[in-house]
C-alpha atoms as a PDB file:
ATOM      1  CA  SER A   1     -45.230 -20.939  48.184  1.00  0.00           C
ATOM      2  CA  GLY A   2     -43.891 -24.474  47.484  1.00  0.00           C
ATOM      3  CA  ARG A   3     -45.742 -24.831  44.393  1.00  0.00           C
ATOM      4  CA  ARG A   4     -44.438 -21.553  42.882  1.00  0.00           C
ATOM      5  CA  PHE A   5     -41.024 -22.634  43.845  1.00  0.00           C
ATOM      6  CA  SER A   6     -41.398 -25.994  42.242  1.00  0.00           C
ATOM      7  CA  GLU A   7     -42.479 -24.270  39.025  1.00  0.00           C
ATOM      8  CA  LYS A   8     -39.402 -22.084  39.082  1.00  0.00           C
ATOM      9  CA  VAL A   9     -36.999 -24.679  39.510  1.00  0.00           C
ATOM     10  CA  GLY A  10     -38.636 -27.283  37.257  1.00  0.00           C
ATOM     11  CA  LEU A  11     -39.209 -29.980  39.767  1.00  0.00           C
ATOM     12  CA  ALA A  12     -42.325 -31.818  40.645  1.00  0.00           C
ATOM     13  CA  PHE A  13     -44.129 -30.385  43.685  1.00  0.00           C
ATOM     14  CA  GLY A  14     -43.909 -33.592  45.565  1.00  0.00           C
ATOM     15  CA  ILE A  15     -40.176 -33.432  45.395  1.00  0.00           C
ATOM     16  CA  VAL A  16     -40.019 -29.907  46.424  1.00  0.00           C
ATOM     17  CA  ASP A  17     -42.570 -30.617  49.281  1.00  0.00           C
ATOM     18  CA  ASN A  18     -40.496 -33.375  50.711  1.00  0.00           C
ATOM     19  CA  LEU A  19     -37.306 -30.970  50.674  1.00  0.00           C
ATOM     20  CA  LEU A  20     -39.106 -28.272  52.358  1.00  0.00           C
ATOM     21  CA  SER A  21     -40.508 -30.741  54.937  1.00  0.00           C
ATOM     22  CA  GLY A  22     -36.759 -31.735  55.612  1.00  0.00           C
ATOM     23  CA  LEU A  23     -35.743 -28.172  56.014  1.00  0.00           C
ATOM     24  CA  ARG A  24     -38.669 -27.441  58.322  1.00  0.00           C
ATOM     25  CA  THR A  25     -37.588 -30.593  60.492  1.00  0.00           C
ATOM     26  CA  ARG A  26     -34.140 -29.141  60.678  1.00  0.00           C
ATOM     27  CA  LEU A  27     -35.680 -25.778  61.748  1.00  0.00           C
ATOM     28  CA  VAL A  28     -34.115 -24.027  58.632  1.00  0.00           C
ATOM     29  CA  MET A  29     -37.491 -23.001  57.206  1.00  0.00           C
ATOM     30  CA  ALA A  30     -40.773 -22.344  58.810  1.00  0.00           C
ATOM     31  CA  HIS A  31     -44.432 -21.933  57.641  1.00  0.00           C
ATOM     32  CA  ALA A  32     -45.281 -18.268  57.205  1.00  0.00           C
ATOM     33  CA  ARG A  33     -48.972 -18.664  56.401  1.00  0.00           C
ATOM     34  CA  PRO A  34     -51.309 -20.905  54.349  1.00  0.00           C
ATOM     35  CA  ALA A  35     -51.272 -20.919  50.532  1.00  0.00           C
ATOM     36  CA  PRO A  36     -53.861 -22.126  48.150  1.00  0.00           C
ATOM     37  CA  LEU A  37     -54.180 -25.840  47.030  1.00  0.00           C
ATOM     38  CA  ASN A  38     -52.844 -27.511  50.299  1.00  0.00           C
ATOM     39  CA  ASP A  39     -49.726 -25.592  50.191  1.00  0.00           C
ATOM     40  CA  ASN A  40     -47.718 -23.001  52.422  1.00  0.00           C
ATOM     41  CA  TYR A  41     -45.710 -19.994  52.206  1.00  0.00           C
ATOM     42  CA  TYR A  42     -42.446 -20.362  53.771  1.00  0.00           C
ATOM     43  CA  GLY A  43     -39.763 -18.077  55.381  1.00  0.00           C
ATOM     44  CA  LEU A  44     -36.332 -18.778  57.042  1.00  0.00           C
ATOM     45  CA  ALA A  45     -36.329 -19.727  60.732  1.00  0.00           C
ATOM     46  CA  ASP A  46     -33.862 -18.466  63.107  1.00  0.00           C
ATOM     47  CA  ALA A  47     -31.401 -21.143  62.276  1.00  0.00           C
ATOM     48  CA  GLY A  48     -31.953 -20.586  58.518  1.00  0.00           C
ATOM     49  CA  GLN A  49     -31.062 -16.908  58.851  1.00  0.00           C
ATOM     50  CA  LYS A  50     -27.966 -17.565  60.891  1.00  0.00           C
ATOM     51  CA  ARG A  51     -26.869 -19.970  58.337  1.00  0.00           C
ATOM     52  CA  THR A  52     -27.476 -17.626  55.454  1.00  0.00           C
ATOM     53  CA  VAL A  53     -25.601 -14.890  57.236  1.00  0.00           C
ATOM     54  CA  ASN A  54     -22.676 -17.265  57.854  1.00  0.00           C
ATOM     55  CA  SER A  55     -22.604 -18.552  54.259  1.00  0.00           C
ATOM     56  CA  GLN A  56     -22.765 -14.950  52.936  1.00  0.00           C
ATOM     57  CA  LYS A  57     -19.702 -14.042  55.320  1.00  0.00           C
ATOM     58  CA  SER A  58     -17.778 -17.049  53.966  1.00  0.00           C
ATOM     59  CA  LEU A  59     -18.596 -16.153  50.439  1.00  0.00           C
ATOM     60  CA  VAL A  60     -17.417 -12.536  50.743  1.00  0.00           C
ATOM     61  CA  CYS A  61     -14.287 -13.743  52.317  1.00  0.00           C
ATOM     62  CA  THR A  62     -13.605 -16.264  49.554  1.00  0.00           C
ATOM     63  CA  CYS A  63     -14.404 -13.820  46.709  1.00  0.00           C
ATOM     64  CA  SER A  64     -12.239 -11.107  48.163  1.00  0.00           C
ATOM     65  CA  ASP A  65      -9.191 -13.346  48.129  1.00  0.00           C
ATOM     66  CA  VAL A  66      -9.725 -14.203  44.402  1.00  0.00           C
ATOM     67  CA  ARG A  67      -7.678 -12.114  41.937  1.00  0.00           C
ATOM     68  CA  LYS A  68      -8.629 -11.429  38.382  1.00  0.00           C
ATOM     69  CA  PRO A  69      -6.233 -13.065  35.730  1.00  0.00           C
ATOM     70  CA  ALA A  70      -4.160 -10.984  33.755  1.00  0.00           C
ATOM     71  CA  VAL A  71      -5.600 -10.508  30.171  1.00  0.00           C
ATOM     72  CA  THR A  72      -3.500  -9.553  27.316  1.00  0.00           C
ATOM     73  CA  SER A  73      -4.866  -8.045  24.145  1.00  0.00           C
ATOM     74  CA  PRO A  74      -3.624  -9.157  20.554  1.00  0.00           C
ATOM     75  CA  VAL A  75      -2.694  -5.273  20.202  1.00  0.00           C
ATOM     76  CA  ASP A  76      -0.146  -5.809  23.091  1.00  0.00           C
ATOM     77  CA  GLY A  77       1.503  -8.928  21.490  1.00  0.00           C
ATOM     78  CA  GLY A  78      -0.709 -11.213  23.674  1.00  0.00           C
ATOM     79  CA  ASP A  79      -3.297 -13.885  22.568  1.00  0.00           C
ATOM     80  CA  GLY A  80      -6.211 -11.793  23.843  1.00  0.00           C
ATOM     81  CA  GLY A  81      -6.586 -13.960  26.744  1.00  0.00           C
ATOM     82  CA  ASN A  82      -7.430 -17.221  24.579  1.00  0.00           C
ATOM     83  CA  LEU A  83      -6.656 -20.545  26.427  1.00  0.00           C
ATOM     84  CA  VAL A  84      -6.281 -22.078  22.785  1.00  0.00           C
END
Protein backbone atom coordinates (compact mmCIF):
# COMPACT_ATOMS: atom_id res chain seq x y z
CA SER A 1 0.00 0.00 0.00
CA GLY A 2 1.03 3.61 -0.32
CA ARG A 3 1.30 4.05 3.46
CA ARG A 4 3.51 1.01 3.86
CA PHE A 5 5.75 2.22 1.02
CA SER A 6 6.00 5.67 2.61
CA GLU A 7 7.08 4.07 5.89
CA LYS A 8 9.73 1.95 4.13
CA VAL A 9 11.28 4.89 2.26
CA GLY A 10 10.88 7.34 5.13
CA LEU A 11 8.77 9.92 3.30
CA ALA A 12 5.49 11.44 4.38
CA PHE A 13 2.43 9.67 3.00
CA GLY A 14 1.26 12.86 1.26
CA ILE A 15 4.46 12.98 -0.81
CA VAL A 16 4.25 9.29 -1.73
CA ASP A 17 0.55 9.61 -2.54
CA ASN A 18 1.30 12.47 -4.95
CA LEU A 19 4.08 10.41 -6.60
CA LEU A 20 1.80 7.40 -6.97
CA SER A 21 -0.93 9.63 -8.38
CA GLY A 22 1.51 10.86 -11.04
CA LEU A 23 2.49 7.29 -11.89
CA ARG A 24 -1.19 6.36 -12.22
CA THR A 25 -1.73 9.34 -14.54
CA ARG A 26 1.16 8.16 -16.75
CA LEU A 27 -0.34 4.63 -16.66
CA VAL A 28 2.76 3.15 -15.00
CA MET A 29 0.93 2.11 -11.82
CA ALA A 30 -2.66 0.97 -11.31
CA HIS A 31 -4.95 0.41 -8.33
CA ALA A 32 -4.95 -3.26 -7.40
CA ARG A 33 -7.52 -3.07 -4.57
CA PRO A 34 -8.54 -0.81 -1.69
CA ALA A 35 -6.43 -0.65 1.48
CA PRO A 36 -7.35 0.58 4.96
CA LEU A 37 -7.22 4.27 5.95
CA ASN A 38 -8.27 5.70 2.59
CA ASP A 39 -5.31 4.07 0.82
CA ASN A 40 -4.86 1.60 -2.04
CA TYR A 41 -2.71 -1.34 -2.97
CA TYR A 42 -0.89 -0.75 -6.24
CA GLY A 43 0.52 -2.83 -9.04
CA LEU A 44 2.30 -2.18 -12.29
CA ALA A 45 0.13 -1.38 -15.29
CA ASP A 46 1.03 -2.77 -18.73
CA ALA A 47 3.16 0.28 -19.53
CA GLY A 48 4.94 -0.07 -16.19
CA GLN A 49 5.66 -3.74 -16.81
CA LYS A 50 7.10 -3.01 -20.27
CA ARG A 51 9.21 -0.20 -18.85
CA THR A 52 10.52 -2.49 -16.11
CA VAL A 53 11.45 -5.25 -18.57
CA ASN A 54 13.23 -2.76 -20.84
CA SER A 55 15.13 -1.30 -17.87
CA GLN A 56 16.19 -4.75 -16.74
CA LYS A 57 17.39 -5.64 -20.25
CA SER A 58 19.45 -2.47 -20.53
CA LEU A 59 20.87 -3.02 -17.03
CA VAL A 60 21.94 -6.57 -17.93
CA CYS A 61 23.64 -5.29 -21.09
CA THR A 62 25.38 -2.52 -19.16
CA CYS A 63 26.52 -4.79 -16.36
CA SER A 64 27.82 -7.49 -18.68
CA ASP A 65 30.08 -4.94 -20.38
CA VAL A 66 31.73 -3.94 -17.10
CA ARG A 67 34.96 -5.73 -16.26
CA LYS A 68 36.28 -6.22 -12.76
CA PRO A 69 39.41 -4.23 -11.98
CA ALA A 70 42.59 -6.20 -11.43
CA VAL A 71 43.42 -6.34 -7.74
CA THR A 72 46.90 -7.27 -6.64
CA SER A 73 47.78 -8.52 -3.22
CA PRO A 74 50.67 -7.27 -1.08
CA VAL A 75 52.10 -10.79 -1.31
CA ASP A 76 52.46 -10.36 -5.10
CA GLY A 77 54.29 -7.08 -4.65
CA GLY A 78 51.20 -5.00 -5.25
CA ASP A 79 49.52 -2.54 -2.93
CA GLY A 80 46.53 -4.81 -2.23
CA GLY A 81 44.28 -2.79 -4.48
CA ASN A 82 44.49 0.32 -2.31
CA LEU A 83 43.97 3.59 -4.12
CA VAL A 84 46.00 5.56 -1.60
